[in-house]
Structures are given as structure tokens and as C-alpha cells.
């Protein structure tokens, strides 16, 4: 059985998490109420699990640097079709974001991933360290009886090394190719295209790190979400993104929006100075990701450069 205690959290944090669970249920029920297919109409949230720093008790709220830990949640549903973020969970994401940024109902951002129970159990059966860690450290904020997680089957160190090394070779190389495209477009003053290429560089660097360290990365283009997941694993990554000035916060927000707006919105504008600042930060991010990944591969007994 998973832990259910939240005694290590202040009362205010426990109230916030109760409200998060309420919002997730409200938005999910609104999306599934009128579905015609039986498995969607009768779809259920089976578990909501808190993981990461708030589950472990080592969350951070640094008012000087502006860095703060996020609430990280795993939502477990009854069918794979119900995991579609656009179809079922977009409104929940927006509501939770507004509660943090606008109404200030929450003192930390809320990030959640959605998987079916069958998929989580498949991941545990395949020895995914990410899900094994959630099973070990997570706290159930809600769960229904009779829908248990399967016993994990850990991979051998050699299996982990082989898979992690493959991810590193693929994703770190891909990130470098997109950074080359950024530099090419920036020289030609194609600022919007350059911003999109930077977004893709950053996204790939985060996917690289998450896959090398945990053999799992969420299917997401949201840089703020990927950033929080990566920084949760290695705080050295925080250095790449200063948060202590409005200019640095605005630049990251432009980068976050670039995946869609830089390609499709006539209102998206980014200056040469902002691009230059972002480019320098991503070079630093690339350096840290390379260091962290190669340390991991070496610890697994591999040759990171081979």
C-alpha cells in the first residue's frame, strides 16, 4: 500500500493539495460526462499520487533566487484513451495555472502527468526507474480500492546502461542540430524561427536528461513542466535559468510560447537581445545536461563518450 500521510507538510500546503484534487476531479468529470463511448463515459480517476520534493519533504522556496519547487502529481485513470491531454486535461492545466499565477490560490505551480493503470503497471513491469521511485516515495492523495500497482521488476545495471546510452546519443545530438538551426536563423534575422529552434533545443535537452536518468520523459512540449521535472532530479540545472529579474522571466516565457506562437501568431515578437540572452542560457543548459548525463553513464559503468 502507498503512503497516505501528509503530516510533514504545513496545513496550508495540505489545503492547497485538497483543492488541486478537487479541480482535477471537476474538470475531468466535465470532460467525460457526455461521452458516447461507454469506457469514456464511465471513465474514472483511480489514483492521484503526489511525488517529488513535496512527497519527500525537501521542497524549496527560495525568495532570493525566485526558484520554487512545484507540486508533482501522477493521475491514474481507467483507460488509455483518457490520458489524452488536449482532449481531457487542457482545462485542468489552465485552471491550475490560473490558480497559481492570477488568483494566487496556490503557493506553487502544479504539474501533473496522466497514465492509465494498465500503462503504469506495464512501466513497472519493464523496470522504469521513474515509476519505481513514485511507487517507493509517492503519497496517495486519492485512490480507489481494488486497483493496485503491480510489483516492479527492476532492470539490471547493464540493461539500464544500454538504454540510457542510446537515449543520450539520440537526444543530445538532436538538441545540437536544432541549436545549429537557431544560429543559422539568428544570423539571417529570422527571429521567430530562431526562437522556435531554441525551444526545440531546450525541449530535447530536457528529454535527454530525463530519459538518461529515469528512462522516462513525459510526452510534453511545455518547457516549464519539463524544466521542473529535470531540476527535481538535479538542482544544478537551476543555474541555467535565472529567475530573479522580470527580464529573465519574460525571456523564458517567450521561449515557452515559441513552440506555437513563434510559428503561428502574428503578435509574437522577440528582440535580438532576448535571443542572444536565451542562446547563452541554453549553451549553459547544454553544458550542465552533458555533465549530468555523462556522470550518470559513468556511474552505470559505461563510457559516456563512446
C-alpha atoms as a PDB file:
ATOM      1  CA  UNK A   1       0.000   0.000   0.000  1.00  0.00           C
ATOM      2  CA  UNK A   2       1.146   3.551  -0.727  1.00  0.00           C
ATOM      3  CA  UNK A   3       1.631   6.147   1.956  1.00  0.00           C
ATOM      4  CA  UNK A   4      -1.278   8.493   2.565  1.00  0.00           C
ATOM      5  CA  UNK A   5       0.141  10.742   5.289  1.00  0.00           C
ATOM      6  CA  UNK A   6       0.864  14.424   4.705  1.00  0.00           C
ATOM      7  CA  UNK A   7       1.941  15.254   8.247  1.00  0.00           C
ATOM      8  CA  UNK A   8       5.289  16.590   7.020  1.00  0.00           C
ATOM      9  CA  UNK A   9       3.531  19.395   5.105  1.00  0.00           C
ATOM     10  CA  UNK A  10       2.212  22.631   6.625  1.00  0.00           C
ATOM     11  CA  UNK A  11      -1.559  22.834   6.947  1.00  0.00           C
ATOM     12  CA  UNK A  12      -1.682  25.483   4.214  1.00  0.00           C
ATOM     13  CA  UNK A  13       0.046  23.122   1.769  1.00  0.00           C
ATOM     14  CA  UNK A  14      -2.335  20.286   2.657  1.00  0.00           C
ATOM     15  CA  UNK A  15      -5.298  22.564   1.937  1.00  0.00           C
ATOM     16  CA  UNK A  16      -3.819  23.519  -1.425  1.00  0.00           C
ATOM     17  CA  UNK A  17      -3.402  19.880  -2.392  1.00  0.00           C
ATOM     18  CA  UNK A  18      -7.012  19.148  -1.400  1.00  0.00           C
ATOM     19  CA  UNK A  19      -8.082  21.943  -3.737  1.00  0.00           C
ATOM     20  CA  UNK A  20      -5.854  20.582  -6.532  1.00  0.00           C
ATOM     21  CA  UNK A  21      -7.532  17.181  -6.251  1.00  0.00           C
ATOM     22  CA  UNK A  22     -10.951  18.844  -6.332  1.00  0.00           C
ATOM     23  CA  UNK A  23     -10.085  20.767  -9.510  1.00  0.00           C
ATOM     24  CA  UNK A  24      -8.769  17.648 -11.241  1.00  0.00           C
ATOM     25  CA  UNK A  25     -11.982  15.768 -10.500  1.00  0.00           C
ATOM     26  CA  UNK A  26     -14.236  18.662 -11.508  1.00  0.00           C
ATOM     27  CA  UNK A  27     -12.503  19.229 -14.829  1.00  0.00           C
ATOM     28  CA  UNK A  28     -12.274  15.507 -15.625  1.00  0.00           C
ATOM     29  CA  UNK A  29     -15.953  14.901 -14.875  1.00  0.00           C
ATOM     30  CA  UNK A  30     -16.927  17.859 -17.058  1.00  0.00           C
ATOM     31  CA  UNK A  31     -14.952  16.377 -19.954  1.00  0.00           C
ATOM     32  CA  UNK A  32     -16.303  12.827 -19.655  1.00  0.00           C
ATOM     33  CA  UNK A  33     -19.932  13.444 -18.668  1.00  0.00           C
ATOM     34  CA  UNK A  34     -21.396  13.456 -22.183  1.00  0.00           C
ATOM     35  CA  UNK A  35     -19.102  10.983 -23.943  1.00  0.00           C
ATOM     36  CA  UNK A  36     -20.869   8.430 -26.099  1.00  0.00           C
ATOM     37  CA  UNK A  37     -18.436   5.537 -25.730  1.00  0.00           C
ATOM     38  CA  UNK A  38     -19.112   3.570 -22.586  1.00  0.00           C
ATOM     39  CA  UNK A  39     -15.470   3.281 -21.486  1.00  0.00           C
ATOM     40  CA  UNK A  40     -15.135   7.072 -21.728  1.00  0.00           C
ATOM     41  CA  UNK A  41     -18.487   7.965 -20.209  1.00  0.00           C
ATOM     42  CA  UNK A  42     -17.759   5.654 -17.279  1.00  0.00           C
ATOM     43  CA  UNK A  43     -14.102   6.633 -17.144  1.00  0.00           C
ATOM     44  CA  UNK A  44     -12.663   7.106 -13.675  1.00  0.00           C
ATOM     45  CA  UNK A  45      -9.740   8.630 -11.877  1.00  0.00           C
ATOM     46  CA  UNK A  46      -8.335   5.701  -9.932  1.00  0.00           C
ATOM     47  CA  UNK A  47      -5.454   7.378  -8.139  1.00  0.00           C
ATOM     48  CA  UNK A  48      -3.839  10.763  -7.649  1.00  0.00           C
ATOM     49  CA  UNK A  49      -0.296  10.435  -6.320  1.00  0.00           C
ATOM     50  CA  UNK A  50       1.954  13.215  -5.047  1.00  0.00           C
ATOM     51  CA  UNK A  51       5.602  12.600  -5.898  1.00  0.00           C
ATOM     52  CA  UNK A  52       8.830  14.578  -5.989  1.00  0.00           C
ATOM     53  CA  UNK A  53      10.036  17.087  -3.423  1.00  0.00           C
ATOM     54  CA  UNK A  54       6.699  17.680  -1.681  1.00  0.00           C
ATOM     55  CA  UNK A  55       6.313  13.926  -1.174  1.00  0.00           C
ATOM     56  CA  UNK A  56       9.895  13.536   0.085  1.00  0.00           C
ATOM     57  CA  UNK A  57       9.785  16.656   2.251  1.00  0.00           C
ATOM     58  CA  UNK A  58      12.701  18.513   0.622  1.00  0.00           C
ATOM     59  CA  UNK A  59      10.819  21.147  -1.355  1.00  0.00           C
ATOM     60  CA  UNK A  60      12.422  24.563  -1.891  1.00  0.00           C
ATOM     61  CA  UNK A  61      11.037  28.110  -1.772  1.00  0.00           C
ATOM     62  CA  UNK A  62      13.973  30.469  -2.368  1.00  0.00           C
ATOM     63  CA  UNK A  63      12.762  34.065  -2.334  1.00  0.00           C
ATOM     64  CA  UNK A  64      16.211  35.399  -3.268  1.00  0.00           C
ATOM     65  CA  UNK A  65      16.689  33.435  -6.490  1.00  0.00           C
ATOM     66  CA  UNK A  66      12.993  33.074  -7.241  1.00  0.00           C
ATOM     67  CA  UNK A  67      13.252  29.289  -7.506  1.00  0.00           C
ATOM     68  CA  UNK A  68      10.413  27.260  -6.009  1.00  0.00           C
ATOM     69  CA  UNK A  69       9.568  23.567  -6.185  1.00  0.00           C
ATOM     70  CA  UNK A  70       6.396  22.502  -7.982  1.00  0.00           C
ATOM     71  CA  UNK A  71       3.670  20.151  -6.848  1.00  0.00           C
ATOM     72  CA  UNK A  72       4.197  16.996  -8.959  1.00  0.00           C
ATOM     73  CA  UNK A  73       1.260  14.632  -9.413  1.00  0.00           C
ATOM     74  CA  UNK A  74       0.601  11.353 -11.187  1.00  0.00           C
ATOM     75  CA  UNK A  75      -3.045  10.960 -12.196  1.00  0.00           C
ATOM     76  CA  UNK A  76      -4.016   7.346 -12.865  1.00  0.00           C
ATOM     77  CA  UNK A  77      -7.141   6.736 -14.965  1.00  0.00           C
ATOM     78  CA  UNK A  78      -9.100   3.680 -16.009  1.00  0.00           C
ATOM     79  CA  UNK A  79      -8.408   3.695 -19.764  1.00  0.00           C
ATOM     80  CA  UNK A  80      -5.565   4.706 -22.077  1.00  0.00           C
ATOM     81  CA  UNK A  81      -7.872   6.942 -24.143  1.00  0.00           C
ATOM     82  CA  UNK A  82      -8.475   9.124 -21.089  1.00  0.00           C
ATOM     83  CA  UNK A  83      -4.813  10.171 -20.974  1.00  0.00           C
ATOM     84  CA  UNK A  84      -5.128  12.487 -23.995  1.00  0.00           C
ATOM     85  CA  UNK A  85      -4.001  15.843 -22.606  1.00  0.00           C
ATOM     86  CA  UNK A  86      -5.678  18.035 -25.226  1.00  0.00           C
ATOM     87  CA  UNK A  87      -8.961  16.148 -25.121  1.00  0.00           C
ATOM     88  CA  UNK A  88      -9.382  15.683 -21.371  1.00  0.00           C
ATOM     89  CA  UNK A  89      -6.861  17.666 -19.346  1.00  0.00           C
ATOM     90  CA  UNK A  90      -6.235  21.014 -21.052  1.00  0.00           C
ATOM     91  CA  UNK A  91      -8.858  22.830 -18.993  1.00  0.00           C
ATOM     92  CA  UNK A  92      -7.469  21.370 -15.787  1.00  0.00           C
ATOM     93  CA  UNK A  93      -3.974  22.598 -16.714  1.00  0.00           C
ATOM     94  CA  UNK A  94      -5.320  26.086 -17.433  1.00  0.00           C
ATOM     95  CA  UNK A  95      -7.351  26.220 -14.211  1.00  0.00           C
ATOM     96  CA  UNK A  96      -4.396  25.135 -12.100  1.00  0.00           C
ATOM     97  CA  UNK A  97      -2.093  27.610 -13.818  1.00  0.00           C
ATOM     98  CA  UNK A  98      -4.518  30.486 -13.220  1.00  0.00           C
ATOM     99  CA  UNK A  99      -4.839  29.470  -9.578  1.00  0.00           C
ATOM    100  CA  UNK A 100      -1.084  29.930  -9.192  1.00  0.00           C
ATOM    101  CA  UNK A 101      -0.338  32.882 -11.461  1.00  0.00           C
ATOM    102  CA  UNK A 102      -3.503  35.007 -11.230  1.00  0.00           C
ATOM    103  CA  UNK A 103      -5.673  34.246  -8.206  1.00  0.00           C
ATOM    104  CA  UNK A 104      -2.641  33.181  -6.105  1.00  0.00           C
ATOM    105  CA  UNK A 105      -4.737  30.407  -4.618  1.00  0.00           C
ATOM    106  CA  UNK A 106      -1.646  28.188  -4.725  1.00  0.00           C
ATOM    107  CA  UNK A 107       1.850  28.964  -3.489  1.00  0.00           C
ATOM    108  CA  UNK A 108       3.491  26.601  -6.009  1.00  0.00           C
ATOM    109  CA  UNK A 109       2.836  25.627  -9.630  1.00  0.00           C
ATOM    110  CA  UNK A 110       1.041  22.327 -10.198  1.00  0.00           C
ATOM    111  CA  UNK A 111       2.351  19.837 -12.746  1.00  0.00           C
ATOM    112  CA  UNK A 112       0.676  16.533 -13.432  1.00  0.00           C
ATOM    113  CA  UNK A 113       1.100  13.584 -15.759  1.00  0.00           C
ATOM    114  CA  UNK A 114      -1.697  11.200 -16.713  1.00  0.00           C
ATOM    115  CA  UNK A 115      -1.355   7.466 -17.304  1.00  0.00           C
ATOM    116  CA  UNK A 116      -3.765   4.570 -17.270  1.00  0.00           C
ATOM    117  CA  UNK A 117      -3.387   1.976 -14.533  1.00  0.00           C
ATOM    118  CA  UNK A 118      -2.518  -0.585 -17.179  1.00  0.00           C
ATOM    119  CA  UNK A 119       0.266   1.608 -18.539  1.00  0.00           C
ATOM    120  CA  UNK A 120       1.743   2.340 -15.104  1.00  0.00           C
ATOM    121  CA  UNK A 121       1.792  -1.364 -14.373  1.00  0.00           C
ATOM    122  CA  UNK A 122       3.445  -2.039 -17.732  1.00  0.00           C
ATOM    123  CA  UNK A 123       6.070   0.586 -16.915  1.00  0.00           C
ATOM    124  CA  UNK A 124       6.674  -1.016 -13.520  1.00  0.00           C
ATOM    125  CA  UNK A 125       6.908  -4.418 -15.185  1.00  0.00           C
ATOM    126  CA  UNK A 126       9.524  -3.024 -17.571  1.00  0.00           C
ATOM    127  CA  UNK A 127      11.572  -1.648 -14.675  1.00  0.00           C
ATOM    128  CA  UNK A 128      11.174   2.066 -15.410  1.00  0.00           C
ATOM    129  CA  UNK A 129      13.036   3.783 -12.525  1.00  0.00           C
ATOM    130  CA  UNK A 130      10.755   6.841 -12.721  1.00  0.00           C
ATOM    131  CA  UNK A 131       7.670   4.814 -11.824  1.00  0.00           C
ATOM    132  CA  UNK A 132       9.521   2.643  -9.316  1.00  0.00           C
ATOM    133  CA  UNK A 133      10.561   5.830  -7.488  1.00  0.00           C
ATOM    134  CA  UNK A 134       6.945   7.051  -7.443  1.00  0.00           C
ATOM    135  CA  UNK A 135       5.822   3.729  -6.000  1.00  0.00           C
ATOM    136  CA  UNK A 136       8.533   3.970  -3.332  1.00  0.00           C
ATOM    137  CA  UNK A 137       8.276   7.663  -2.379  1.00  0.00           C
ATOM    138  CA  UNK A 138       4.835   8.767  -3.547  1.00  0.00           C
ATOM    139  CA  UNK A 139       1.881   9.687  -1.353  1.00  0.00           C
ATOM    140  CA  UNK A 140      -1.649   8.791  -2.446  1.00  0.00           C
ATOM    141  CA  UNK A 141      -3.895  11.855  -2.261  1.00  0.00           C
ATOM    142  CA  UNK A 142      -6.757   9.759  -3.607  1.00  0.00           C
ATOM    143  CA  UNK A 143      -7.127   6.102  -4.547  1.00  0.00           C
ATOM    144  CA  UNK A 144      -9.894   3.595  -5.103  1.00  0.00           C
ATOM    145  CA  UNK A 145      -9.785   0.115  -3.644  1.00  0.00           C
ATOM    146  CA  UNK A 146      -9.041  -2.852  -5.854  1.00  0.00           C
ATOM    147  CA  UNK A 147      -6.812  -1.068  -8.344  1.00  0.00           C
ATOM    148  CA  UNK A 148      -3.323  -1.809  -7.122  1.00  0.00           C
ATOM    149  CA  UNK A 149       0.046  -1.137  -8.696  1.00  0.00           C
ATOM    150  CA  UNK A 150       1.931  -4.243  -9.731  1.00  0.00           C
ATOM    151  CA  UNK A 151       5.165  -5.283  -8.095  1.00  0.00           C
ATOM    152  CA  UNK A 152       8.054  -3.696 -10.037  1.00  0.00           C
ATOM    153  CA  UNK A 153      10.672  -5.744 -11.847  1.00  0.00           C
ATOM    154  CA  UNK A 154      13.881  -3.705 -11.724  1.00  0.00           C
ATOM    155  CA  UNK A 155      16.214  -3.750 -14.707  1.00  0.00           C
ATOM    156  CA  UNK A 156      19.791  -4.941 -14.441  1.00  0.00           C
ATOM    157  CA  UNK A 157      22.505  -2.246 -14.409  1.00  0.00           C
ATOM    158  CA  UNK A 158      23.598  -3.358 -17.891  1.00  0.00           C
ATOM    159  CA  UNK A 159      20.058  -3.009 -19.253  1.00  0.00           C
ATOM    160  CA  UNK A 160      19.780   0.469 -17.745  1.00  0.00           C
ATOM    161  CA  UNK A 161      23.171   1.460 -19.183  1.00  0.00           C
ATOM    162  CA  UNK A 162      22.337   0.239 -22.676  1.00  0.00           C
ATOM    163  CA  UNK A 163      19.042   2.089 -22.783  1.00  0.00           C
ATOM    164  CA  UNK A 164      20.356   5.277 -21.164  1.00  0.00           C
ATOM    165  CA  UNK A 165      23.328   5.409 -23.521  1.00  0.00           C
ATOM    166  CA  UNK A 166      21.036   5.067 -26.518  1.00  0.00           C
ATOM    167  CA  UNK A 167      18.855   7.935 -25.300  1.00  0.00           C
ATOM    168  CA  UNK A 168      21.910  10.143 -24.731  1.00  0.00           C
ATOM    169  CA  UNK A 169      23.277   9.555 -28.204  1.00  0.00           C
ATOM    170  CA  UNK A 170      19.920  10.287 -29.843  1.00  0.00           C
ATOM    171  CA  UNK A 171      18.611  13.257 -27.889  1.00  0.00           C
ATOM    172  CA  UNK A 172      21.799  15.179 -27.135  1.00  0.00           C
ATOM    173  CA  UNK A 173      22.781  15.008 -30.816  1.00  0.00           C
ATOM    174  CA  UNK A 174      19.307  16.143 -31.865  1.00  0.00           C
ATOM    175  CA  UNK A 175      19.477  19.117 -29.476  1.00  0.00           C
ATOM    176  CA  UNK A 176      22.781  20.192 -31.027  1.00  0.00           C
ATOM    177  CA  UNK A 177      21.306  20.055 -34.515  1.00  0.00           C
ATOM    178  CA  UNK A 178      18.440  22.336 -33.527  1.00  0.00           C
ATOM    179  CA  UNK A 179      20.892  24.744 -31.885  1.00  0.00           C
ATOM    180  CA  UNK A 180      22.789  24.897 -35.186  1.00  0.00           C
ATOM    181  CA  UNK A 181      19.491  25.790 -36.865  1.00  0.00           C
ATOM    182  CA  UNK A 182      18.939  28.527 -34.276  1.00  0.00           C
ATOM    183  CA  UNK A 183      22.302  30.098 -35.019  1.00  0.00           C
ATOM    184  CA  UNK A 184      21.676  29.969 -38.777  1.00  0.00           C
ATOM    185  CA  UNK A 185      18.286  31.676 -38.488  1.00  0.00           C
ATOM    186  CA  UNK A 186      19.517  34.237 -35.973  1.00  0.00           C
ATOM    187  CA  UNK A 187      22.265  35.353 -38.368  1.00  0.00           C
ATOM    188  CA  UNK A 188      19.615  35.952 -41.028  1.00  0.00           C
ATOM    189  CA  UNK A 189      17.435  37.930 -38.547  1.00  0.00           C
ATOM    190  CA  UNK A 190      14.683  35.309 -38.729  1.00  0.00           C
ATOM    191  CA  UNK A 191      13.953  35.864 -35.068  1.00  0.00           C
ATOM    192  CA  UNK A 192      10.705  33.938 -34.759  1.00  0.00           C
ATOM    193  CA  UNK A 193      12.130  30.890 -36.480  1.00  0.00           C
ATOM    194  CA  UNK A 194      15.245  31.168 -34.341  1.00  0.00           C
ATOM    195  CA  UNK A 195      13.078  31.255 -31.203  1.00  0.00           C
ATOM    196  CA  UNK A 196      11.266  28.087 -32.291  1.00  0.00           C
ATOM    197  CA  UNK A 197      14.600  26.341 -32.901  1.00  0.00           C
ATOM    198  CA  UNK A 198      15.704  27.364 -29.398  1.00  0.00           C
ATOM    199  CA  UNK A 199      12.518  25.940 -27.935  1.00  0.00           C
ATOM    200  CA  UNK A 200      13.206  22.645 -29.680  1.00  0.00           C
ATOM    201  CA  UNK A 201      16.810  22.649 -28.472  1.00  0.00           C
ATOM    202  CA  UNK A 202      15.679  23.163 -24.897  1.00  0.00           C
ATOM    203  CA  UNK A 203      12.921  20.575 -25.111  1.00  0.00           C
ATOM    204  CA  UNK A 204      15.341  17.970 -26.440  1.00  0.00           C
ATOM    205  CA  UNK A 205      17.921  18.714 -23.772  1.00  0.00           C
ATOM    206  CA  UNK A 206      15.343  18.138 -21.057  1.00  0.00           C
ATOM    207  CA  UNK A 207      14.033  14.974 -22.696  1.00  0.00           C
ATOM    208  CA  UNK A 208      17.639  13.790 -22.964  1.00  0.00           C
ATOM    209  CA  UNK A 209      18.330  14.285 -19.294  1.00  0.00           C
ATOM    210  CA  UNK A 210      15.050  12.764 -18.112  1.00  0.00           C
ATOM    211  CA  UNK A 211      15.492   9.695 -20.308  1.00  0.00           C
ATOM    212  CA  UNK A 212      19.107   9.138 -19.307  1.00  0.00           C
ATOM    213  CA  UNK A 213      18.386   9.496 -15.589  1.00  0.00           C
ATOM    214  CA  UNK A 214      14.981   7.765 -15.378  1.00  0.00           C
ATOM    215  CA  UNK A 215      14.365   6.073 -18.764  1.00  0.00           C
ATOM    216  CA  UNK A 216      11.132   8.099 -18.906  1.00  0.00           C
ATOM    217  CA  UNK A 217      10.121  11.524 -20.148  1.00  0.00           C
ATOM    218  CA  UNK A 218       6.562  12.846 -20.354  1.00  0.00           C
ATOM    219  CA  UNK A 219       5.128  13.452 -23.817  1.00  0.00           C
ATOM    220  CA  UNK A 220       5.047  17.202 -23.448  1.00  0.00           C
ATOM    221  CA  UNK A 221       6.273  20.321 -25.228  1.00  0.00           C
ATOM    222  CA  UNK A 222       5.729  22.500 -22.133  1.00  0.00           C
ATOM    223  CA  UNK A 223       9.137  23.801 -21.155  1.00  0.00           C
ATOM    224  CA  UNK A 224       8.099  24.955 -17.686  1.00  0.00           C
ATOM    225  CA  UNK A 225       6.889  21.417 -16.943  1.00  0.00           C
ATOM    226  CA  UNK A 226       9.956  19.715 -18.414  1.00  0.00           C
ATOM    227  CA  UNK A 227      12.226  22.175 -16.616  1.00  0.00           C
ATOM    228  CA  UNK A 228      10.638  21.425 -13.242  1.00  0.00           C
ATOM    229  CA  UNK A 229      10.902  17.673 -13.791  1.00  0.00           C
ATOM    230  CA  UNK A 230      14.570  17.928 -14.753  1.00  0.00           C
ATOM    231  CA  UNK A 231      15.513  20.315 -11.930  1.00  0.00           C
ATOM    232  CA  UNK A 232      13.803  17.963  -9.498  1.00  0.00           C
ATOM    233  CA  UNK A 233      16.359  15.318 -10.482  1.00  0.00           C
ATOM    234  CA  UNK A 234      19.465  17.511 -10.418  1.00  0.00           C
ATOM    235  CA  UNK A 235      19.360  21.026  -8.879  1.00  0.00           C
ATOM    236  CA  UNK A 236      22.485  22.034 -10.822  1.00  0.00           C
ATOM    237  CA  UNK A 237      20.154  22.678 -13.744  1.00  0.00           C
ATOM    238  CA  UNK A 238      18.571  25.611 -11.892  1.00  0.00           C
ATOM    239  CA  UNK A 239      21.642  27.693 -12.692  1.00  0.00           C
ATOM    240  CA  UNK A 240      20.762  27.719 -16.390  1.00  0.00           C
ATOM    241  CA  UNK A 241      17.661  29.860 -15.850  1.00  0.00           C
ATOM    242  CA  UNK A 242      17.942  32.903 -13.571  1.00  0.00           C
ATOM    243  CA  UNK A 243      14.540  33.784 -12.140  1.00  0.00           C
ATOM    244  CA  UNK A 244      15.411  36.872 -10.118  1.00  0.00           C
ATOM    245  CA  UNK A 245      14.523  39.580 -12.658  1.00  0.00           C
ATOM    246  CA  UNK A 246      11.454  40.368 -14.733  1.00  0.00           C
ATOM    247  CA  UNK A 247      13.599  40.424 -17.879  1.00  0.00           C
ATOM    248  CA  UNK A 248      14.820  36.862 -17.319  1.00  0.00           C
ATOM    249  CA  UNK A 249      11.294  35.688 -16.524  1.00  0.00           C
ATOM    250  CA  UNK A 250       9.954  37.370 -19.670  1.00  0.00           C
ATOM    251  CA  UNK A 251      12.647  35.799 -21.843  1.00  0.00           C
ATOM    252  CA  UNK A 252      11.853  32.295 -20.595  1.00  0.00           C
ATOM    253  CA  UNK A 253       8.142  32.959 -21.122  1.00  0.00           C
ATOM    254  CA  UNK A 254       8.862  33.931 -24.732  1.00  0.00           C
ATOM    255  CA  UNK A 255      10.833  30.726 -25.167  1.00  0.00           C
ATOM    256  CA  UNK A 256       7.996  28.704 -23.634  1.00  0.00           C
ATOM    257  CA  UNK A 257       5.468  30.278 -26.016  1.00  0.00           C
ATOM    258  CA  UNK A 258       7.692  29.889 -29.058  1.00  0.00           C
ATOM    259  CA  UNK A 259       6.590  26.305 -29.769  1.00  0.00           C
ATOM    260  CA  UNK A 260       3.229  27.575 -31.039  1.00  0.00           C
ATOM    261  CA  UNK A 261       3.279  31.373 -31.194  1.00  0.00           C
ATOM    262  CA  UNK A 262       6.616  31.806 -32.955  1.00  0.00           C
ATOM    263  CA  UNK A 263       5.232  29.786 -35.849  1.00  0.00           C
ATOM    264  CA  UNK A 264       1.575  30.811 -35.961  1.00  0.00           C
ATOM    265  CA  UNK A 265       0.911  34.078 -34.130  1.00  0.00           C
ATOM    266  CA  UNK A 266       1.433  37.431 -35.908  1.00  0.00           C
ATOM    267  CA  UNK A 267       1.744  39.030 -32.463  1.00  0.00           C
ATOM    268  CA  UNK A 268       4.794  37.065 -31.340  1.00  0.00           C
ATOM    269  CA  UNK A 269       7.862  39.320 -31.180  1.00  0.00           C
ATOM    270  CA  UNK A 270      11.300  38.612 -29.773  1.00  0.00           C
ATOM    271  CA  UNK A 271      14.254  41.006 -29.867  1.00  0.00           C
ATOM    272  CA  UNK A 272      17.852  40.348 -30.828  1.00  0.00           C
ATOM    273  CA  UNK A 273      18.915  40.936 -27.221  1.00  0.00           C
ATOM    274  CA  UNK A 274      16.375  38.441 -25.912  1.00  0.00           C
ATOM    275  CA  UNK A 275      17.510  35.844 -28.420  1.00  0.00           C
ATOM    276  CA  UNK A 276      21.132  36.423 -27.501  1.00  0.00           C
ATOM    277  CA  UNK A 277      20.364  36.053 -23.787  1.00  0.00           C
ATOM    278  CA  UNK A 278      18.357  32.876 -24.394  1.00  0.00           C
ATOM    279  CA  UNK A 279      21.069  31.441 -26.600  1.00  0.00           C
ATOM    280  CA  UNK A 280      23.658  31.949 -23.862  1.00  0.00           C
ATOM    281  CA  UNK A 281      21.411  30.317 -21.265  1.00  0.00           C
ATOM    282  CA  UNK A 282      20.821  27.316 -23.486  1.00  0.00           C
ATOM    283  CA  UNK A 283      24.550  26.900 -24.050  1.00  0.00           C
ATOM    284  CA  UNK A 284      24.860  26.711 -20.269  1.00  0.00           C
ATOM    285  CA  UNK A 285      21.949  24.292 -20.063  1.00  0.00           C
ATOM    286  CA  UNK A 286      23.612  22.121 -22.693  1.00  0.00           C
ATOM    287  CA  UNK A 287      26.843  22.050 -20.672  1.00  0.00           C
ATOM    288  CA  UNK A 288      25.049  21.016 -17.482  1.00  0.00           C
ATOM    289  CA  UNK A 289      22.963  18.363 -19.227  1.00  0.00           C
ATOM    290  CA  UNK A 290      26.101  16.905 -20.787  1.00  0.00           C
ATOM    291  CA  UNK A 291      27.851  16.825 -17.401  1.00  0.00           C
ATOM    292  CA  UNK A 292      24.904  15.237 -15.576  1.00  0.00           C
ATOM    293  CA  UNK A 293      24.241  12.646 -18.270  1.00  0.00           C
ATOM    294  CA  UNK A 294      27.859  11.618 -18.621  1.00  0.00           C
ATOM    295  CA  UNK A 295      28.187  11.337 -14.845  1.00  0.00           C
ATOM    296  CA  UNK A 296      25.174   9.015 -14.885  1.00  0.00           C
ATOM    297  CA  UNK A 297      26.548   6.855 -17.677  1.00  0.00           C
ATOM    298  CA  UNK A 298      29.918   6.626 -15.964  1.00  0.00           C
ATOM    299  CA  UNK A 299      28.241   5.641 -12.690  1.00  0.00           C
ATOM    300  CA  UNK A 300      26.427   2.879 -14.565  1.00  0.00           C
ATOM    301  CA  UNK A 301      29.793   1.579 -15.731  1.00  0.00           C
ATOM    302  CA  UNK A 302      29.720   2.909 -19.275  1.00  0.00           C
ATOM    303  CA  UNK A 303      31.922   5.068 -21.481  1.00  0.00           C
ATOM    304  CA  UNK A 304      29.885   8.265 -21.888  1.00  0.00           C
ATOM    305  CA  UNK A 305      31.843   9.381 -24.892  1.00  0.00           C
ATOM    306  CA  UNK A 306      31.868   6.079 -26.765  1.00  0.00           C
END
